[in-house]
């Protein structure tokens, strides 16, 4: 099982409001507010157990969805996902509302896992370039473990006009990770340019990374580490070092003088 298929530990934060009959937040089930409960404690305990059961069921369905998407592809229908998960489509609608809700639920888990991994990769870096390269390596490696799952949670479909909030927050957080070490590298922490480079860098990393993911495995295709090094070179050195200097063309007069 690869990392984009793994079922991580339950999220620490409260789940987003459920669509189509999903679990309510913990506050709706007798969270301690300092006042006496209106209903008997036995009912509160039953509600808490039901909430825990539904949350566990959601995690199981998300895990099954990741496995199904890994095998079927990012365009798999709700019916195909449900069949692969060994249940009915109505169960998925009950817990997630529709395919967009399912994508957001899976994305919340996957994106958080990617964000944590990228942040951990950055911790061992001693200078900006090393840190950026390590983050790009972590991003490419995780996406490569299951491109189908990656594209399922990052590319809007079914009428969605924009990426999920989890995805937007993910790239915002990576931009912030890049911005911090760049302050020292640029020498002027107040420069307005500081806000442009990290954002442009994220665009280059994502666009290049997704094109690389979609490129068939052919001879000469770089692995994730080599691709990360290349992206880092483009970010820090540009393409000037990769372009051979071209000699200026001889003028017609000079050419005729030698004839």
Protein backbone atom coordinates (compact mmCIF):
# COMPACT_ATOMS: atom_id res chain seq x y z
CA UNK A 1 0.00 0.00 0.00
CA UNK A 2 1.42 3.37 -0.93
CA UNK A 3 1.29 6.56 1.08
CA UNK A 4 -1.65 8.14 -0.75
CA UNK A 5 -3.69 5.01 -0.08
CA UNK A 6 -2.90 4.82 3.62
CA UNK A 7 -5.55 5.67 6.18
CA UNK A 8 -3.93 8.16 8.58
CA UNK A 9 -4.91 8.80 12.16
CA UNK A 10 -8.23 10.62 12.74
CA UNK A 11 -7.97 14.39 12.27
CA UNK A 12 -7.47 16.48 15.36
CA UNK A 13 -9.72 19.31 14.21
CA UNK A 14 -13.47 19.00 14.04
CA UNK A 15 -14.77 17.66 10.73
CA UNK A 16 -16.42 20.00 8.30
CA UNK A 17 -20.23 20.12 8.43
CA UNK A 18 -21.52 17.00 6.74
CA UNK A 19 -23.48 17.07 3.56
CA UNK A 20 -26.47 14.84 3.08
CA UNK A 21 -26.73 13.47 6.59
CA UNK A 22 -23.07 13.36 7.64
CA UNK A 23 -21.98 13.52 11.27
CA UNK A 24 -22.59 16.69 13.21
CA UNK A 25 -19.80 18.49 15.00
CA UNK A 26 -18.89 17.48 18.52
CA UNK A 27 -20.57 20.63 19.88
CA UNK A 28 -23.92 19.24 18.78
CA UNK A 29 -23.54 16.24 21.02
CA UNK A 30 -23.25 17.65 24.50
CA UNK A 31 -19.79 19.29 24.45
CA UNK A 32 -19.02 20.65 27.89
CA UNK A 33 -20.12 24.29 28.02
CA UNK A 34 -20.01 24.67 31.78
CA UNK A 35 -23.79 24.37 32.20
CA UNK A 36 -25.98 21.48 33.25
CA UNK A 37 -27.06 19.20 30.39
CA UNK A 38 -30.69 19.42 29.40
CA UNK A 39 -30.98 15.74 28.50
CA UNK A 40 -30.01 12.74 30.64
CA UNK A 41 -26.37 11.62 30.57
CA UNK A 42 -27.38 8.25 29.16
CA UNK A 43 -28.72 9.94 26.06
CA UNK A 44 -25.52 12.00 25.74
CA UNK A 45 -23.47 8.81 25.97
CA UNK A 46 -25.57 7.16 23.28
CA UNK A 47 -25.16 10.20 21.03
CA UNK A 48 -21.40 10.21 21.59
CA UNK A 49 -21.21 6.52 20.66
CA UNK A 50 -23.29 7.15 17.53
CA UNK A 51 -21.07 10.08 16.59
CA UNK A 52 -17.95 7.92 17.04
CA UNK A 53 -19.53 5.16 14.95
CA UNK A 54 -20.37 7.54 12.10
CA UNK A 55 -16.92 9.11 12.18
CA UNK A 56 -15.31 5.67 12.02
CA UNK A 57 -17.62 4.75 9.15
CA UNK A 58 -16.59 7.91 7.26
CA UNK A 59 -12.91 7.06 7.73
CA UNK A 60 -13.55 3.55 6.43
CA UNK A 61 -15.35 4.88 3.36
CA UNK A 62 -12.58 7.44 2.69
CA UNK A 63 -9.98 4.69 2.90
CA UNK A 64 -12.01 2.51 0.53
CA UNK A 65 -12.39 5.46 -1.86
CA UNK A 66 -8.65 6.02 -2.00
CA UNK A 67 -8.07 2.38 -2.86
CA UNK A 68 -10.81 2.43 -5.49
CA UNK A 69 -9.52 5.62 -7.12
CA UNK A 70 -5.98 4.24 -7.12
CA UNK A 71 -7.19 1.29 -9.17
CA UNK A 72 -9.98 2.86 -11.26
CA UNK A 73 -8.63 6.34 -11.95
CA UNK A 74 -9.64 9.87 -10.91
CA UNK A 75 -12.76 9.89 -13.14
CA UNK A 76 -14.36 6.85 -11.49
CA UNK A 77 -18.08 7.27 -10.85
CA UNK A 78 -19.71 7.10 -7.42
CA UNK A 79 -21.26 3.80 -8.42
CA UNK A 80 -17.89 2.35 -9.44
CA UNK A 81 -16.31 3.55 -6.20
CA UNK A 82 -19.13 2.07 -4.13
CA UNK A 83 -18.96 -1.25 -5.97
CA UNK A 84 -15.20 -1.44 -5.43
CA UNK A 85 -15.76 -0.60 -1.76
CA UNK A 86 -18.30 -3.41 -1.43
CA UNK A 87 -21.25 -1.19 -0.55
CA UNK A 88 -23.98 0.82 -2.25
CA UNK A 89 -23.90 4.25 -3.83
CA UNK A 90 -26.62 5.42 -1.43
CA UNK A 91 -24.27 4.89 1.51
CA UNK A 92 -21.74 7.30 -0.01
CA UNK A 93 -24.47 9.86 -0.68
CA UNK A 94 -25.66 9.53 2.91
CA UNK A 95 -22.22 10.30 4.34
CA UNK A 96 -20.81 12.74 1.77
CA UNK A 97 -23.76 14.24 -0.09
CA UNK A 98 -22.35 13.89 -3.61
CA UNK A 99 -19.09 13.26 -5.44
CA UNK A 100 -17.88 16.78 -4.72
CA UNK A 101 -18.39 16.17 -1.01
CA UNK A 102 -16.56 12.87 -1.26
CA UNK A 103 -13.67 14.55 -3.09
CA UNK A 104 -13.43 17.21 -0.40
CA UNK A 105 -13.44 14.60 2.37
CA UNK A 106 -10.71 12.54 0.69
CA UNK A 107 -8.79 15.71 -0.15
CA UNK A 108 -8.86 16.86 3.45
CA UNK A 109 -7.09 13.68 4.52
CA UNK A 110 -4.65 13.42 1.60
CA UNK A 111 -3.69 17.11 1.51
CA UNK A 112 -3.09 17.23 5.26
CA UNK A 113 -0.82 14.19 4.96
CA UNK A 114 1.12 15.78 2.09
CA UNK A 115 1.43 19.05 3.99
CA UNK A 116 2.85 17.30 7.07
CA UNK A 117 5.33 15.34 4.96
CA UNK A 118 6.54 18.45 3.11
CA UNK A 119 6.92 20.37 6.37
CA UNK A 120 8.97 17.50 7.82
CA UNK A 121 11.20 17.43 4.72
CA UNK A 122 11.97 21.11 5.18
CA UNK A 123 13.06 20.73 8.81
CA UNK A 124 16.43 19.16 8.01
CA UNK A 125 17.47 21.89 5.55
CA UNK A 126 20.24 24.30 6.51
CA UNK A 127 19.82 26.80 3.65
CA UNK A 128 16.98 27.97 1.39
CA UNK A 129 17.89 26.08 -1.76
CA UNK A 130 18.27 22.81 0.11
CA UNK A 131 14.95 23.38 1.83
CA UNK A 132 13.08 24.12 -1.40
CA UNK A 133 14.60 21.08 -3.11
CA UNK A 134 13.63 18.84 -0.19
CA UNK A 135 10.06 20.11 -0.26
CA UNK A 136 9.75 19.61 -4.01
CA UNK A 137 11.17 16.08 -3.65
CA UNK A 138 8.60 15.25 -0.96
CA UNK A 139 5.75 16.69 -3.05
CA UNK A 140 6.71 14.78 -6.20
CA UNK A 141 7.35 11.54 -4.35
CA UNK A 142 3.98 11.58 -2.59
CA UNK A 143 2.08 12.50 -5.76
CA UNK A 144 3.91 9.74 -7.64
CA UNK A 145 2.82 7.04 -5.18
CA UNK A 146 -0.69 7.36 -6.58
CA UNK A 147 -1.22 9.87 -9.39
CA UNK A 148 -4.87 8.81 -9.62
CA UNK A 149 -5.56 9.80 -6.02
CA UNK A 150 -3.55 13.01 -6.40
CA UNK A 151 -5.53 14.12 -9.46
CA UNK A 152 -8.83 13.07 -7.87
CA UNK A 153 -8.34 15.54 -5.03
CA UNK A 154 -6.58 18.33 -6.94
CA UNK A 155 -8.34 18.67 -10.30
CA UNK A 156 -11.93 19.99 -10.17
CA UNK A 157 -14.45 17.96 -12.15
CA UNK A 158 -18.20 17.41 -12.25
CA UNK A 159 -18.91 21.12 -12.55
CA UNK A 160 -16.58 22.25 -9.76
CA UNK A 161 -15.12 25.58 -10.85
CA UNK A 162 -12.30 25.85 -8.36
CA UNK A 163 -10.05 23.62 -6.25
CA UNK A 164 -11.23 22.58 -2.82
CA UNK A 165 -10.45 24.71 0.20
CA UNK A 166 -8.04 22.03 1.39
CA UNK A 167 -6.01 22.29 -1.82
CA UNK A 168 -5.91 26.08 -1.75
CA UNK A 169 -4.80 25.98 1.87
CA UNK A 170 -2.17 23.39 1.00
CA UNK A 171 -0.46 25.55 -1.60
CA UNK A 172 -0.81 28.62 0.61
CA UNK A 173 1.01 26.78 3.39
CA UNK A 174 3.79 25.62 1.06
CA UNK A 175 4.13 29.19 -0.23
CA UNK A 176 4.58 30.33 3.37
CA UNK A 177 7.21 27.64 3.94
CA UNK A 178 9.18 28.96 0.96
CA UNK A 179 8.72 32.60 1.89
CA UNK A 180 10.32 32.30 5.31
CA UNK A 181 13.80 31.12 4.20
CA UNK A 182 13.72 33.46 1.20
CA UNK A 183 13.72 36.50 3.50
CA UNK A 184 17.35 35.90 4.40
CA UNK A 185 18.35 34.95 0.86
CA UNK A 186 16.95 38.11 -0.71
CA UNK A 187 18.52 40.35 1.93
CA UNK A 188 15.54 42.70 2.15
CA UNK A 189 12.65 41.22 4.14
CA UNK A 190 10.48 44.21 3.26
CA UNK A 191 10.95 43.93 -0.50
CA UNK A 192 7.63 43.62 -2.38
CA UNK A 193 9.38 41.05 -4.58
CA UNK A 194 9.31 38.65 -1.65
CA UNK A 195 5.61 38.13 -2.22
CA UNK A 196 6.02 37.31 -5.90
CA UNK A 197 8.80 34.74 -6.03
CA UNK A 198 7.27 32.08 -3.72
CA UNK A 199 3.91 32.32 -5.48
CA UNK A 200 5.59 32.02 -8.88
CA UNK A 201 7.67 29.13 -7.54
CA UNK A 202 4.56 27.21 -6.47
CA UNK A 203 3.08 27.69 -9.94
CA UNK A 204 6.23 26.29 -11.55
CA UNK A 205 6.45 23.37 -9.13
CA UNK A 206 2.82 22.36 -9.50
CA UNK A 207 2.58 22.80 -13.27
CA UNK A 208 5.86 20.99 -13.92
CA UNK A 209 5.12 18.29 -11.37
CA UNK A 210 1.70 17.48 -12.79
CA UNK A 211 3.06 17.37 -16.35
CA UNK A 212 5.81 15.05 -15.12
CA UNK A 213 3.22 12.80 -13.43
CA UNK A 214 1.25 12.52 -16.66
CA UNK A 215 4.32 11.74 -18.79
CA UNK A 216 4.64 8.00 -19.54
CA UNK A 217 7.61 6.17 -18.06
CA UNK A 218 9.93 6.29 -21.03
CA UNK A 219 13.74 6.13 -21.22
CA UNK A 220 15.17 9.43 -20.14
CA UNK A 221 12.29 10.46 -17.91
CA UNK A 222 13.85 11.70 -14.64
CA UNK A 223 12.90 10.11 -11.34
CA UNK A 224 11.33 12.22 -8.58
CA UNK A 225 14.68 13.23 -7.05
CA UNK A 226 16.21 14.24 -10.38
CA UNK A 227 13.05 16.14 -11.32
CA UNK A 228 13.12 17.99 -8.00
CA UNK A 229 16.75 18.96 -8.55
CA UNK A 230 15.91 20.22 -12.04
CA UNK A 231 12.97 22.29 -10.77
CA UNK A 232 15.18 23.75 -8.05
CA UNK A 233 17.78 24.69 -10.68
CA UNK A 234 15.13 26.48 -12.74
CA UNK A 235 13.92 28.33 -9.64
CA UNK A 236 17.32 29.47 -8.39
CA UNK A 237 19.47 29.64 -11.52
CA UNK A 238 16.98 30.09 -14.33
CA UNK A 239 17.72 28.52 -17.71
CA UNK A 240 20.79 30.59 -18.55
CA UNK A 241 23.20 27.89 -17.40
CA UNK A 242 21.41 25.32 -19.54
CA UNK A 243 21.58 27.29 -22.79
CA UNK A 244 24.76 27.11 -24.87
CA UNK A 245 26.06 30.53 -25.89
CA UNK A 246 25.42 31.27 -29.54
CA UNK A 247 28.11 32.97 -31.60
CA UNK A 248 26.88 36.12 -33.35
CA UNK A 249 26.30 35.57 -37.09
CA UNK A 250 29.01 36.81 -39.40
CA UNK A 251 28.08 39.87 -41.39
CA UNK A 252 27.75 39.58 -45.14
CA UNK A 253 30.65 41.98 -45.59
CA UNK A 254 32.98 39.91 -43.47
CA UNK A 255 31.95 36.78 -45.27
CA UNK A 256 32.58 38.34 -48.67
CA UNK A 257 35.98 39.60 -47.58
CA UNK A 258 37.08 36.02 -46.94
CA UNK A 259 35.82 34.72 -50.26
